[in-house]
Amino acid sequence: MTALQIVPSILSADLGRLGNQVREAQSAGARAIHIDVMDGHFVPPITFGPAILHAVRAATDLPLEVHLMVSNPEAQVDAFIAAGAQTVIVHIETTSHMHRLAQSIRAQGARAAVTLNPGTPLTALEGVIADVDQVQVMGVNPGWGGQPFIPATLDRVRALRDWLDRQGLHAALEVDGGVNESTIASVAQAGATMVIAGSALYNDRESVMDAMARLRRALAPDEAQ
């Protein structure tokens, strides 16, 4: 089993201490930072624009992963890459031109990633799965942090793991939403190589360091990075 990478999402971070919160995640062993971008249209909340990447970059040299929960992602991608995004995640539901968009993202030197909502069939990925660097499975409906994990997500991860392996594809397989100490082991066993952790890491109960250690204890010692 490939070691599972735990990627902190700043959606649940204390934005008044954003720099410190990002540095705490890096000190806890994070190898990337996840930034959720919401436009108030594809999902109801409104969160961050490209400027947030400059603030995060001032605190860390870790790779920045941007999850675009936006309508018309074609109009947004270039600005986020210019601001420093090294991975751009696009919802398959938001574009009729995912293949072309993935090519554009890669041409600008970033990693192209695709994600899909819990209700979207995996077959929607057929035309693009071979042309992306990362596939993300939503474990919750997008829009808010702290939601409970949808159990059927595990079957979707298993199916994608089998699909990638059978086709000899090396895309990272990421799960976003509902990942905590109760679900992380099952997600890893299903075949994910990356998970997003938001409220499981950034909360009022413990430090980011302690929260990361707690998630790692929920896995076998050699399964978390």
Protein backbone atom coordinates (compact mmCIF):
# COMPACT_ATOMS: atom_id res chain seq x y z
CA MET A 1 0.00 0.00 0.00
CA THR A 2 1.30 3.45 -0.92
CA ALA A 3 1.92 5.71 2.07
CA LEU A 4 -0.97 8.09 2.63
CA GLN A 5 -0.21 11.82 2.43
CA ILE A 6 -2.26 14.04 4.76
CA VAL A 7 -2.81 17.49 3.23
CA PRO A 8 -4.14 20.28 5.49
CA SER A 9 -6.95 22.49 4.19
CA ILE A 10 -6.94 26.08 5.39
CA LEU A 11 -10.75 26.27 5.08
CA SER A 12 -10.98 25.47 8.80
CA ALA A 13 -7.90 27.44 9.84
CA ASP A 14 -7.99 30.59 11.95
CA LEU A 15 -7.50 33.17 9.21
CA GLY A 16 -6.44 35.76 11.75
CA ARG A 17 -3.40 33.56 12.37
CA LEU A 18 -3.10 32.13 8.87
CA GLY A 19 0.67 32.36 8.62
CA ASN A 20 1.15 30.65 11.97
CA GLN A 21 -1.44 27.99 11.15
CA VAL A 22 0.29 27.16 7.87
CA ARG A 23 3.71 27.03 9.56
CA GLU A 24 2.27 24.74 12.25
CA ALA A 25 1.03 22.38 9.55
CA GLN A 26 4.45 22.32 7.92
CA SER A 27 6.12 21.65 11.28
CA ALA A 28 3.66 18.80 11.81
CA GLY A 29 4.90 17.16 8.62
CA ALA A 30 2.51 18.43 5.95
CA ARG A 31 3.95 18.20 2.44
CA ALA A 32 1.37 20.44 0.71
CA ILE A 33 -1.36 22.95 1.59
CA HIS A 34 -4.92 22.74 0.21
CA ILE A 35 -6.88 25.91 -0.58
CA ASP A 36 -10.64 25.70 -1.19
CA VAL A 37 -11.94 28.32 -3.62
CA MET A 38 -15.72 28.82 -3.66
CA ASP A 39 -17.62 31.33 -5.75
CA GLY A 40 -21.11 31.46 -4.20
CA HIS A 41 -22.55 29.97 -7.40
CA PHE A 42 -21.36 26.39 -7.89
CA VAL A 43 -21.50 26.12 -4.10
CA PRO A 44 -23.23 28.63 -1.78
CA PRO A 45 -20.24 29.90 0.25
CA ILE A 46 -17.68 32.40 -0.99
CA THR A 47 -14.11 31.90 0.21
CA PHE A 48 -10.78 32.84 -1.32
CA GLY A 49 -9.41 34.54 -4.41
CA PRO A 50 -5.90 34.36 -5.86
CA ALA A 51 -4.55 36.82 -3.28
CA ILE A 52 -4.81 34.17 -0.54
CA LEU A 53 -2.05 32.21 -2.27
CA HIS A 54 0.37 35.09 -1.75
CA ALA A 55 -0.43 35.09 1.97
CA VAL A 56 0.08 31.33 2.23
CA ARG A 57 3.25 31.46 0.14
CA ALA A 58 4.69 34.06 2.52
CA ALA A 59 4.41 31.45 5.29
CA THR A 60 5.63 28.31 3.53
CA ASP A 61 7.46 26.92 0.54
CA LEU A 62 5.22 23.83 0.44
CA PRO A 63 3.33 23.08 -2.79
CA LEU A 64 -0.07 24.78 -2.94
CA GLU A 65 -3.09 22.82 -4.12
CA VAL A 66 -6.14 24.84 -5.23
CA HIS A 67 -9.60 23.22 -5.32
CA LEU A 68 -11.82 25.28 -7.63
CA MET A 69 -15.45 24.92 -6.55
CA VAL A 70 -16.49 27.51 -9.11
CA SER A 71 -18.61 27.86 -12.20
CA ASN A 72 -16.67 28.60 -15.39
CA PRO A 73 -13.27 27.44 -14.10
CA GLU A 74 -11.69 28.35 -17.44
CA ALA A 75 -11.95 31.99 -16.37
CA GLN A 76 -10.18 31.36 -13.05
CA VAL A 77 -7.41 28.86 -13.67
CA ASP A 78 -4.76 31.17 -15.11
CA ALA A 79 -4.97 33.66 -12.24
CA PHE A 80 -4.51 30.96 -9.61
CA ILE A 81 -1.55 29.42 -11.41
CA ALA A 82 0.01 32.87 -11.77
CA ALA A 83 -0.49 33.35 -8.02
CA GLY A 84 1.43 30.15 -7.27
CA ALA A 85 -0.90 27.16 -7.47
CA GLN A 86 1.09 24.03 -8.26
CA THR A 87 -1.96 21.76 -8.47
CA VAL A 88 -5.35 22.90 -9.77
CA ILE A 89 -8.39 20.72 -9.03
CA VAL A 90 -11.42 21.24 -11.29
CA HIS A 91 -14.91 19.78 -10.86
CA ILE A 92 -15.95 17.69 -13.85
CA GLU A 93 -19.48 19.11 -13.40
CA THR A 94 -18.33 22.66 -14.12
CA THR A 95 -16.87 22.33 -17.60
CA SER A 96 -17.60 20.65 -20.91
CA HIS A 97 -13.92 20.93 -21.81
CA MET A 98 -12.07 19.18 -18.99
CA HIS A 99 -9.54 17.60 -21.34
CA ARG A 100 -8.64 20.96 -22.88
CA LEU A 101 -8.52 22.61 -19.47
CA ALA A 102 -6.20 19.90 -18.13
CA GLN A 103 -3.89 20.48 -21.09
CA SER A 104 -3.89 24.22 -20.39
CA ILE A 105 -3.07 23.69 -16.71
CA ARG A 106 -0.18 21.39 -17.56
CA ALA A 107 1.11 23.74 -20.26
CA GLN A 108 1.49 26.40 -17.56
CA GLY A 109 3.62 24.08 -15.45
CA ALA A 110 1.01 23.04 -12.89
CA ARG A 111 -0.46 19.63 -12.09
CA ALA A 112 -3.96 19.03 -13.47
CA ALA A 113 -6.49 17.37 -11.18
CA VAL A 114 -10.14 16.46 -11.60
CA THR A 115 -12.78 15.91 -8.94
CA LEU A 116 -16.42 14.95 -8.90
CA ASN A 117 -19.36 15.29 -6.54
CA PRO A 118 -20.72 12.29 -4.62
CA GLY A 119 -23.73 12.03 -6.95
CA THR A 120 -21.74 12.14 -10.20
CA PRO A 121 -21.04 8.74 -11.80
CA LEU A 122 -17.41 7.73 -12.09
CA THR A 123 -17.99 7.18 -15.81
CA ALA A 124 -17.86 10.98 -16.17
CA LEU A 125 -14.07 10.61 -15.89
CA GLU A 126 -13.68 8.32 -18.88
CA GLY A 127 -12.54 11.00 -21.30
CA VAL A 128 -9.99 12.61 -19.01
CA ILE A 129 -8.65 10.19 -16.40
CA ALA A 130 -5.61 9.32 -18.51
CA ASP A 131 -4.70 12.99 -18.92
CA VAL A 132 -4.62 14.26 -15.34
CA ASP A 133 -2.05 14.03 -12.58
CA GLN A 134 -4.55 13.60 -9.76
CA VAL A 135 -8.10 12.34 -9.27
CA GLN A 136 -10.06 13.53 -6.27
CA VAL A 137 -13.14 11.88 -4.77
CA MET A 138 -15.42 14.04 -2.65
CA GLY A 139 -16.33 12.34 0.62
CA VAL A 140 -18.99 14.99 1.29
CA ASN A 141 -21.07 17.33 -0.82
CA PRO A 142 -18.87 20.35 -1.54
CA GLY A 143 -19.28 23.70 0.13
CA TRP A 144 -18.72 23.36 3.87
CA GLY A 145 -16.10 21.87 6.16
CA GLY A 146 -16.90 19.55 9.03
CA GLN A 147 -19.52 17.43 7.26
CA PRO A 148 -19.85 13.70 8.03
CA PHE A 149 -18.20 11.26 5.65
CA ILE A 150 -20.46 9.59 3.06
CA PRO A 151 -19.81 5.83 3.46
CA ALA A 152 -20.40 5.06 -0.23
CA THR A 153 -17.25 7.06 -0.94
CA LEU A 154 -15.19 3.99 -0.07
CA ASP A 155 -16.70 1.99 -2.92
CA ARG A 156 -15.92 4.84 -5.30
CA VAL A 157 -12.31 4.96 -4.12
CA ARG A 158 -11.95 1.20 -4.55
CA ALA A 159 -13.40 1.39 -8.06
CA LEU A 160 -11.06 4.21 -9.02
CA ARG A 161 -8.06 2.45 -7.50
CA ASP A 162 -8.87 -0.61 -9.63
CA TRP A 163 -9.41 1.54 -12.72
CA LEU A 164 -6.11 3.37 -12.33
CA ASP A 165 -4.21 0.16 -11.66
CA ARG A 166 -5.75 -1.75 -14.56
CA GLN A 167 -4.93 1.07 -16.96
CA GLY A 168 -1.40 1.47 -15.60
CA LEU A 169 -2.11 5.08 -14.67
CA HIS A 170 -0.10 6.82 -11.97
CA ALA A 171 -2.43 9.66 -11.00
CA ALA A 172 -2.61 10.40 -7.29
CA LEU A 173 -5.95 9.39 -5.76
CA GLU A 174 -7.19 11.90 -3.20
CA VAL A 175 -10.21 11.97 -0.88
CA ASP A 176 -11.60 15.31 0.27
CA GLY A 177 -14.21 15.68 2.99
CA GLY A 178 -15.12 13.86 6.17
CA VAL A 179 -11.62 12.51 6.80
CA ASN A 180 -10.88 12.14 10.51
CA GLU A 181 -9.49 9.55 12.91
CA SER A 182 -12.60 7.40 12.44
CA THR A 183 -12.47 7.27 8.64
CA ILE A 184 -8.85 7.74 7.60
CA ALA A 185 -7.81 4.08 7.91
CA SER A 186 -10.73 2.91 5.75
CA VAL A 187 -9.92 5.53 3.14
CA ALA A 188 -6.29 4.38 3.02
CA GLN A 189 -7.30 0.73 2.79
CA ALA A 190 -9.63 1.57 -0.10
CA GLY A 191 -6.64 2.79 -2.08
CA ALA A 192 -6.33 6.55 -1.63
CA THR A 193 -2.84 8.03 -1.73
CA MET A 194 -3.79 11.48 -0.40
CA VAL A 195 -6.44 12.86 1.96
CA ILE A 196 -7.52 16.39 2.75
CA ALA A 197 -7.89 17.18 6.44
CA GLY A 198 -9.60 20.41 7.48
CA SER A 199 -11.52 20.47 10.73
CA ALA A 200 -9.71 17.29 11.81
CA LEU A 201 -6.50 19.34 11.93
CA TYR A 202 -7.67 22.88 12.60
CA ASN A 203 -9.94 22.90 15.65
CA ASP A 204 -10.22 24.36 19.14
CA ARG A 205 -9.44 21.09 20.93
CA GLU A 206 -5.76 20.65 20.15
CA SER A 207 -2.75 21.98 18.30
CA VAL A 208 -2.18 21.16 14.65
CA MET A 209 0.82 19.08 15.71
CA ASP A 210 -1.29 16.99 18.09
CA ALA A 211 -4.11 16.65 15.56
CA MET A 212 -1.72 15.42 12.87
CA ALA A 213 -0.24 12.91 15.31
CA ARG A 214 -3.72 11.69 16.18
CA LEU A 215 -4.55 11.09 12.51
CA ARG A 216 -1.29 9.22 12.04
CA ARG A 217 -1.99 7.03 15.05
CA ALA A 218 -5.23 6.01 13.36
CA LEU A 219 -3.09 4.47 10.61
CA ALA A 220 -0.39 1.82 10.68
CA PRO A 221 2.98 3.51 11.36
CA ASP A 222 4.14 3.25 7.74
CA GLU A 223 0.96 4.48 6.06
CA ALA A 224 1.01 8.25 6.73
CA GLN A 225 3.31 11.00 5.51
